[in-house]
Amino acid sequence: VVFAEGSSIDSWVPYVDSVLVIASALVLVVIPIGLLRKSMRHLQNPALESKLEDRIRTVVEEVRLAEGLPVPILWIGQIASTVFLDVAFVVEPDRTDVAGEDRVRRALHSQLDDLAEDLWLVVEFTHDPELVE
């Protein structure tokens, strides 16, 4: 401001503070807008990275084969840093019990324990496919 007084831009001196405040506000608003856009993308698109989804599907398939279970109905999604995994097996009556369900859940947890994301795991056994479709 001092350097502008008495020069050809002397008429702009009263506006310098306002211009600097507006410029500062524009610079500082970029960060919250970026964070908001990132959050909206997470909420709108719960799809995982293909590498992570492939790993989860491989682990589920290994556990399924080890337990001798049918192909499960899977739902895999992600919101923020939480991966949601819902694994539903349609089994024959008297084929398995709660202990079998617990074995599958423990096996999946132990093999996916090293994920950088939090894991929300649901394992279901049912005899009625209409309950999980």
N, C-alpha and C. Protein backbone atom coordinates (compact mmCIF):
# COMPACT_ATOMS: atom_id res chain seq x y z
N VAL A 1 0.84 -1.18 0.00
CA VAL A 1 0.00 0.00 0.00
C VAL A 1 0.89 1.24 0.00
N VAL A 2 1.95 1.22 0.78
CA VAL A 2 2.83 2.38 0.88
C VAL A 2 3.48 2.68 -0.47
N PHE A 3 3.88 1.65 -1.20
CA PHE A 3 4.54 1.86 -2.48
C PHE A 3 3.58 2.41 -3.54
N ALA A 4 2.27 2.21 -3.37
CA ALA A 4 1.29 2.67 -4.35
C ALA A 4 0.87 4.12 -4.14
N GLU A 5 1.05 4.65 -2.94
CA GLU A 5 0.62 6.02 -2.66
C GLU A 5 1.44 7.01 -3.48
N GLY A 6 0.76 7.93 -4.11
CA GLY A 6 1.41 8.94 -4.93
C GLY A 6 1.76 8.46 -6.32
N SER A 7 1.47 7.23 -6.66
CA SER A 7 1.77 6.71 -8.00
C SER A 7 0.50 6.70 -8.85
N SER A 8 0.64 6.15 -10.03
CA SER A 8 -0.50 6.13 -10.94
C SER A 8 -1.60 5.16 -10.48
N ILE A 9 -1.27 4.27 -9.57
CA ILE A 9 -2.29 3.33 -9.06
C ILE A 9 -2.81 3.74 -7.69
N ASP A 10 -2.60 4.99 -7.35
CA ASP A 10 -3.06 5.53 -6.07
C ASP A 10 -4.57 5.36 -5.88
N SER A 11 -5.33 5.37 -6.96
CA SER A 11 -6.79 5.25 -6.85
C SER A 11 -7.22 3.83 -6.44
N TRP A 12 -6.33 2.86 -6.55
CA TRP A 12 -6.65 1.47 -6.19
C TRP A 12 -6.36 1.16 -4.72
N VAL A 13 -5.66 2.01 -4.02
CA VAL A 13 -5.24 1.77 -2.63
C VAL A 13 -6.40 1.38 -1.72
N PRO A 14 -7.57 2.01 -1.78
CA PRO A 14 -8.67 1.62 -0.88
C PRO A 14 -9.16 0.19 -1.10
N TYR A 15 -8.87 -0.39 -2.26
CA TYR A 15 -9.39 -1.72 -2.59
C TYR A 15 -8.39 -2.85 -2.30
N VAL A 16 -7.17 -2.52 -1.95
CA VAL A 16 -6.13 -3.53 -1.76
C VAL A 16 -6.53 -4.53 -0.68
N ASP A 17 -6.98 -4.07 0.47
CA ASP A 17 -7.37 -4.99 1.55
C ASP A 17 -8.49 -5.93 1.12
N SER A 18 -9.48 -5.40 0.47
CA SER A 18 -10.61 -6.23 0.01
C SER A 18 -10.15 -7.29 -0.98
N VAL A 19 -9.30 -6.89 -1.91
CA VAL A 19 -8.78 -7.83 -2.90
C VAL A 19 -7.98 -8.94 -2.22
N LEU A 20 -7.15 -8.58 -1.25
CA LEU A 20 -6.35 -9.58 -0.54
C LEU A 20 -7.24 -10.54 0.26
N VAL A 21 -8.29 -10.04 0.88
CA VAL A 21 -9.21 -10.91 1.63
C VAL A 21 -9.91 -11.88 0.69
N ILE A 22 -10.38 -11.38 -0.44
CA ILE A 22 -11.06 -12.25 -1.42
C ILE A 22 -10.08 -13.29 -1.97
N ALA A 23 -8.87 -12.89 -2.28
CA ALA A 23 -7.87 -13.84 -2.79
C ALA A 23 -7.55 -14.91 -1.75
N SER A 24 -7.41 -14.50 -0.49
CA SER A 24 -7.14 -15.47 0.59
C SER A 24 -8.30 -16.45 0.75
N ALA A 25 -9.52 -15.94 0.68
CA ALA A 25 -10.69 -16.80 0.82
C ALA A 25 -10.75 -17.82 -0.32
N LEU A 26 -10.45 -17.40 -1.53
CA LEU A 26 -10.45 -18.32 -2.66
C LEU A 26 -9.39 -19.40 -2.52
N VAL A 27 -8.23 -19.02 -2.04
CA VAL A 27 -7.16 -20.00 -1.84
C VAL A 27 -7.55 -21.00 -0.75
N LEU A 28 -8.11 -20.51 0.35
CA LEU A 28 -8.45 -21.38 1.47
C LEU A 28 -9.69 -22.25 1.22
N VAL A 29 -10.56 -21.86 0.32
CA VAL A 29 -11.77 -22.64 0.07
C VAL A 29 -11.48 -23.87 -0.80
N VAL A 30 -10.34 -23.89 -1.46
CA VAL A 30 -9.98 -25.02 -2.33
C VAL A 30 -9.89 -26.32 -1.52
N ILE A 31 -9.31 -26.28 -0.35
CA ILE A 31 -9.13 -27.49 0.47
C ILE A 31 -10.47 -28.09 0.88
N PRO A 32 -11.38 -27.34 1.49
CA PRO A 32 -12.68 -27.94 1.86
C PRO A 32 -13.47 -28.45 0.66
N ILE A 33 -13.39 -27.74 -0.46
CA ILE A 33 -14.11 -28.21 -1.65
C ILE A 33 -13.53 -29.54 -2.12
N GLY A 34 -12.22 -29.67 -2.09
CA GLY A 34 -11.59 -30.94 -2.47
C GLY A 34 -12.00 -32.08 -1.56
N LEU A 35 -12.03 -31.82 -0.27
CA LEU A 35 -12.45 -32.85 0.69
C LEU A 35 -13.92 -33.23 0.50
N LEU A 36 -14.75 -32.25 0.23
CA LEU A 36 -16.17 -32.50 -0.01
C LEU A 36 -16.37 -33.34 -1.27
N ARG A 37 -15.65 -33.02 -2.33
CA ARG A 37 -15.76 -33.80 -3.57
C ARG A 37 -15.31 -35.24 -3.34
N LYS A 38 -14.23 -35.44 -2.59
CA LYS A 38 -13.75 -36.79 -2.32
C LYS A 38 -14.78 -37.57 -1.50
N SER A 39 -15.37 -36.94 -0.52
CA SER A 39 -16.40 -37.60 0.30
C SER A 39 -17.61 -37.98 -0.53
N MET A 40 -18.02 -37.11 -1.41
CA MET A 40 -19.18 -37.40 -2.27
C MET A 40 -18.89 -38.57 -3.20
N ARG A 41 -17.67 -38.64 -3.73
CA ARG A 41 -17.31 -39.78 -4.60
C ARG A 41 -17.38 -41.08 -3.82
N HIS A 42 -16.92 -41.07 -2.56
CA HIS A 42 -16.98 -42.28 -1.73
C HIS A 42 -18.42 -42.71 -1.51
N LEU A 43 -19.30 -41.77 -1.29
CA LEU A 43 -20.70 -42.11 -1.04
C LEU A 43 -21.44 -42.53 -2.30
N GLN A 44 -21.09 -41.96 -3.43
CA GLN A 44 -21.78 -42.26 -4.67
C GLN A 44 -21.29 -43.54 -5.32
N ASN A 45 -20.05 -43.89 -5.10
CA ASN A 45 -19.48 -45.04 -5.78
C ASN A 45 -18.83 -45.97 -4.77
N PRO A 46 -19.60 -46.92 -4.23
CA PRO A 46 -19.02 -47.80 -3.23
C PRO A 46 -18.19 -48.94 -3.81
N ALA A 47 -17.83 -48.86 -5.08
CA ALA A 47 -17.03 -49.92 -5.70
C ALA A 47 -15.60 -49.88 -5.19
N LEU A 48 -15.03 -51.06 -5.06
CA LEU A 48 -13.65 -51.19 -4.60
C LEU A 48 -12.70 -51.11 -5.78
N GLU A 49 -11.45 -50.90 -5.46
CA GLU A 49 -10.41 -51.04 -6.48
C GLU A 49 -10.42 -52.50 -6.92
N SER A 50 -10.19 -52.74 -8.21
CA SER A 50 -10.29 -54.11 -8.74
C SER A 50 -9.29 -55.06 -8.07
N LYS A 51 -8.12 -54.56 -7.72
CA LYS A 51 -7.10 -55.41 -7.08
C LYS A 51 -7.60 -55.91 -5.71
N LEU A 52 -8.20 -55.00 -4.94
CA LEU A 52 -8.73 -55.37 -3.63
C LEU A 52 -9.92 -56.32 -3.76
N GLU A 53 -10.81 -56.03 -4.71
CA GLU A 53 -11.96 -56.90 -4.91
C GLU A 53 -11.53 -58.29 -5.36
N ASP A 54 -10.55 -58.38 -6.24
CA ASP A 54 -10.03 -59.67 -6.69
C ASP A 54 -9.46 -60.47 -5.52
N ARG A 55 -8.74 -59.79 -4.65
CA ARG A 55 -8.17 -60.48 -3.48
C ARG A 55 -9.27 -61.02 -2.58
N ILE A 56 -10.30 -60.21 -2.33
CA ILE A 56 -11.40 -60.65 -1.46
C ILE A 56 -12.11 -61.84 -2.09
N ARG A 57 -12.40 -61.76 -3.40
CA ARG A 57 -13.07 -62.88 -4.07
C ARG A 57 -12.23 -64.16 -4.02
N THR A 58 -10.92 -64.01 -4.15
CA THR A 58 -10.03 -65.18 -4.08
C THR A 58 -10.07 -65.80 -2.69
N VAL A 59 -10.02 -64.99 -1.65
CA VAL A 59 -10.07 -65.49 -0.27
C VAL A 59 -11.41 -66.19 -0.02
N VAL A 60 -12.50 -65.59 -0.46
CA VAL A 60 -13.82 -66.21 -0.27
C VAL A 60 -13.87 -67.56 -0.97
N GLU A 61 -13.32 -67.63 -2.18
CA GLU A 61 -13.33 -68.88 -2.93
C GLU A 61 -12.48 -69.95 -2.23
N GLU A 62 -11.33 -69.57 -1.70
CA GLU A 62 -10.49 -70.53 -0.98
C GLU A 62 -11.20 -71.08 0.25
N VAL A 63 -11.83 -70.21 1.01
CA VAL A 63 -12.55 -70.65 2.21
C VAL A 63 -13.74 -71.52 1.81
N ARG A 64 -14.44 -71.14 0.76
CA ARG A 64 -15.59 -71.93 0.28
C ARG A 64 -15.17 -73.35 -0.08
N LEU A 65 -14.07 -73.47 -0.83
CA LEU A 65 -13.58 -74.79 -1.23
C LEU A 65 -13.11 -75.60 -0.02
N ALA A 66 -12.43 -74.94 0.91
CA ALA A 66 -11.94 -75.65 2.11
C ALA A 66 -13.10 -76.19 2.95
N GLU A 67 -14.22 -75.48 2.98
CA GLU A 67 -15.38 -75.90 3.77
C GLU A 67 -16.36 -76.75 2.97
N GLY A 68 -16.14 -76.89 1.67
CA GLY A 68 -17.04 -77.67 0.83
C GLY A 68 -18.42 -77.05 0.68
N LEU A 69 -18.45 -75.74 0.55
CA LEU A 69 -19.72 -75.02 0.46
C LEU A 69 -20.06 -74.65 -0.98
N PRO A 70 -21.33 -74.36 -1.25
CA PRO A 70 -21.72 -73.93 -2.61
C PRO A 70 -21.22 -72.51 -2.88
N VAL A 71 -21.30 -72.11 -4.14
CA VAL A 71 -20.90 -70.76 -4.53
C VAL A 71 -21.78 -69.76 -3.78
N PRO A 72 -21.18 -68.80 -3.11
CA PRO A 72 -21.96 -67.85 -2.31
C PRO A 72 -22.54 -66.71 -3.14
N ILE A 73 -23.50 -66.06 -2.56
CA ILE A 73 -23.99 -64.79 -3.10
C ILE A 73 -23.19 -63.72 -2.36
N LEU A 74 -22.48 -62.88 -3.12
CA LEU A 74 -21.58 -61.89 -2.53
C LEU A 74 -22.07 -60.48 -2.78
N TRP A 75 -21.86 -59.64 -1.81
CA TRP A 75 -22.00 -58.19 -2.01
C TRP A 75 -20.76 -57.58 -1.38
N ILE A 76 -20.03 -56.83 -2.19
CA ILE A 76 -18.80 -56.18 -1.72
C ILE A 76 -18.93 -54.69 -2.04
N GLY A 77 -18.71 -53.86 -1.06
CA GLY A 77 -18.78 -52.42 -1.27
C GLY A 77 -17.83 -51.71 -0.33
N GLN A 78 -17.69 -50.42 -0.56
CA GLN A 78 -16.81 -49.64 0.29
C GLN A 78 -17.38 -48.24 0.46
N ILE A 79 -17.39 -47.78 1.69
CA ILE A 79 -17.74 -46.40 1.99
C ILE A 79 -16.61 -45.87 2.87
N ALA A 80 -15.99 -44.82 2.39
CA ALA A 80 -14.83 -44.23 3.05
C ALA A 80 -13.76 -45.32 3.23
N SER A 81 -13.33 -45.59 4.45
CA SER A 81 -12.26 -46.57 4.66
C SER A 81 -12.80 -47.91 5.17
N THR A 82 -14.09 -48.14 5.04
CA THR A 82 -14.68 -49.40 5.49
C THR A 82 -15.12 -50.24 4.30
N VAL A 83 -14.65 -51.48 4.26
CA VAL A 83 -15.07 -52.44 3.24
C VAL A 83 -16.18 -53.29 3.83
N PHE A 84 -17.29 -53.37 3.11
CA PHE A 84 -18.44 -54.17 3.53
C PHE A 84 -18.45 -55.44 2.70
N LEU A 85 -18.46 -56.57 3.38
CA LEU A 85 -18.46 -57.86 2.70
C LEU A 85 -19.59 -58.70 3.27
N ASP A 86 -20.55 -59.05 2.42
CA ASP A 86 -21.67 -59.88 2.81
C ASP A 86 -21.59 -61.16 1.99
N VAL A 87 -21.41 -62.29 2.67
CA VAL A 87 -21.25 -63.58 2.03
C VAL A 87 -22.41 -64.46 2.48
N ALA A 88 -23.26 -64.86 1.53
CA ALA A 88 -24.43 -65.69 1.86
C ALA A 88 -24.34 -67.02 1.12
N PHE A 89 -24.41 -68.10 1.89
CA PHE A 89 -24.38 -69.45 1.32
C PHE A 89 -25.77 -70.06 1.44
N VAL A 90 -26.28 -70.58 0.33
CA VAL A 90 -27.54 -71.32 0.36
C VAL A 90 -27.15 -72.79 0.47
N VAL A 91 -27.41 -73.38 1.64
CA VAL A 91 -26.98 -74.76 1.93
C VAL A 91 -28.18 -75.67 2.08
N GLU A 92 -27.93 -76.94 1.93
CA GLU A 92 -28.97 -77.96 2.12
C GLU A 92 -29.28 -78.09 3.61
N PRO A 93 -30.51 -78.45 3.94
CA PRO A 93 -30.84 -78.67 5.35
C PRO A 93 -29.90 -79.71 5.98
N ASP A 94 -29.54 -79.50 7.21
CA ASP A 94 -28.63 -80.38 7.96
C ASP A 94 -27.22 -80.41 7.37
N ARG A 95 -26.89 -79.48 6.48
CA ARG A 95 -25.56 -79.47 5.88
C ARG A 95 -24.53 -78.81 6.79
N THR A 96 -24.93 -77.77 7.49
CA THR A 96 -23.99 -77.08 8.36
C THR A 96 -24.74 -76.46 9.53
N ASP A 97 -23.98 -75.91 10.46
CA ASP A 97 -24.59 -75.34 11.66
C ASP A 97 -23.87 -74.03 12.01
N VAL A 98 -24.13 -73.53 13.19
CA VAL A 98 -23.52 -72.29 13.62
C VAL A 98 -22.00 -72.44 13.72
N ALA A 99 -21.53 -73.59 14.12
CA ALA A 99 -20.09 -73.82 14.21
C ALA A 99 -19.44 -73.69 12.83
N GLY A 100 -20.11 -74.20 11.80
CA GLY A 100 -19.60 -74.07 10.44
C GLY A 100 -19.58 -72.62 9.99
N GLU A 101 -20.62 -71.89 10.33
CA GLU A 101 -20.68 -70.47 9.99
C GLU A 101 -19.56 -69.70 10.69
N ASP A 102 -19.31 -70.04 11.94
CA ASP A 102 -18.23 -69.40 12.70
C ASP A 102 -16.86 -69.71 12.09
N ARG A 103 -16.67 -70.96 11.63
CA ARG A 103 -15.39 -71.33 11.00
C ARG A 103 -15.15 -70.48 9.75
N VAL A 104 -16.20 -70.32 8.95
CA VAL A 104 -16.08 -69.52 7.73
C VAL A 104 -15.76 -68.08 8.09
N ARG A 105 -16.47 -67.54 9.05
CA ARG A 105 -16.25 -66.15 9.47
C ARG A 105 -14.83 -65.95 9.98
N ARG A 106 -14.35 -66.88 10.83
CA ARG A 106 -12.98 -66.76 11.36
C ARG A 106 -11.94 -66.87 10.25
N ALA A 107 -12.17 -67.80 9.31
CA ALA A 107 -11.21 -67.97 8.22
C ALA A 107 -11.15 -66.71 7.35
N LEU A 108 -12.30 -66.13 7.05
CA LEU A 108 -12.31 -64.90 6.25
C LEU A 108 -11.64 -63.76 7.00
N HIS A 109 -11.96 -63.62 8.28
CA HIS A 109 -11.34 -62.56 9.08
C HIS A 109 -9.82 -62.72 9.14
N SER A 110 -9.35 -63.93 9.37
CA SER A 110 -7.91 -64.13 9.52
C SER A 110 -7.16 -63.87 8.21
N GLN A 111 -7.77 -64.23 7.07
CA GLN A 111 -7.09 -64.04 5.79
C GLN A 111 -7.20 -62.61 5.26
N LEU A 112 -8.18 -61.85 5.77
CA LEU A 112 -8.35 -60.46 5.32
C LEU A 112 -7.97 -59.46 6.42
N ASP A 113 -7.33 -59.95 7.46
CA ASP A 113 -6.98 -59.12 8.61
C ASP A 113 -5.97 -58.02 8.27
N ASP A 114 -5.17 -58.23 7.24
CA ASP A 114 -4.12 -57.27 6.92
C ASP A 114 -4.57 -56.15 5.98
N LEU A 115 -5.86 -56.08 5.68
CA LEU A 115 -6.36 -55.00 4.82
C LEU A 115 -6.12 -53.65 5.48
N ALA A 116 -5.79 -52.66 4.66
CA ALA A 116 -5.61 -51.30 5.19
C ALA A 116 -6.96 -50.73 5.60
N GLU A 117 -8.02 -51.21 4.98
CA GLU A 117 -9.37 -50.75 5.28
C GLU A 117 -9.95 -51.52 6.45
N ASP A 118 -10.96 -50.92 7.10
CA ASP A 118 -11.71 -51.64 8.13
C ASP A 118 -12.62 -52.62 7.41
N LEU A 119 -12.85 -53.78 8.01
CA LEU A 119 -13.68 -54.81 7.39
C LEU A 119 -14.96 -55.00 8.19
N TRP A 120 -16.08 -54.89 7.50
CA TRP A 120 -17.40 -55.18 8.08
C TRP A 120 -17.87 -56.45 7.38
N LEU A 121 -17.83 -57.57 8.09
CA LEU A 121 -18.08 -58.88 7.49
C LEU A 121 -19.38 -59.48 8.02
N VAL A 122 -20.20 -59.94 7.09
CA VAL A 122 -21.42 -60.66 7.44
C VAL A 122 -21.38 -61.99 6.69
N VAL A 123 -21.50 -63.09 7.43
CA VAL A 123 -21.57 -64.42 6.83
C VAL A 123 -22.93 -65.00 7.18
N GLU A 124 -23.64 -65.46 6.15
CA GLU A 124 -24.97 -66.02 6.35
C GLU A 124 -25.06 -67.42 5.77
N PHE A 125 -25.74 -68.28 6.48
CA PHE A 125 -26.11 -69.60 5.97
C PHE A 125 -27.63 -69.64 5.97
N THR A 126 -28.20 -70.08 4.87
CA THR A 126 -29.65 -70.20 4.79
C THR A 126 -30.01 -71.38 3.91
N HIS A 127 -31.26 -71.82 4.07
CA HIS A 127 -31.78 -72.87 3.20
C HIS A 127 -32.68 -72.27 2.12
N ASP A 128 -33.07 -71.04 2.27
CA ASP A 128 -34.01 -70.39 1.37
C ASP A 128 -33.32 -69.30 0.57
N PRO A 129 -33.10 -69.54 -0.73
CA PRO A 129 -32.39 -68.55 -1.56
C PRO A 129 -33.13 -67.22 -1.68
N GLU A 130 -34.43 -67.22 -1.49
CA GLU A 130 -35.19 -65.95 -1.58
C GLU A 130 -34.81 -64.98 -0.46
N LEU A 131 -34.25 -65.48 0.61
CA LEU A 131 -33.88 -64.62 1.73
C LEU A 131 -32.60 -63.83 1.48
N VAL A 132 -31.81 -64.24 0.50
CA VAL A 132 -30.54 -63.57 0.26
C VAL A 132 -30.40 -62.97 -1.13
N GLU A 133 -31.40 -63.07 -1.95
CA GLU A 133 -31.31 -62.52 -3.31
C GLU A 133 -31.91 -61.15 -3.39
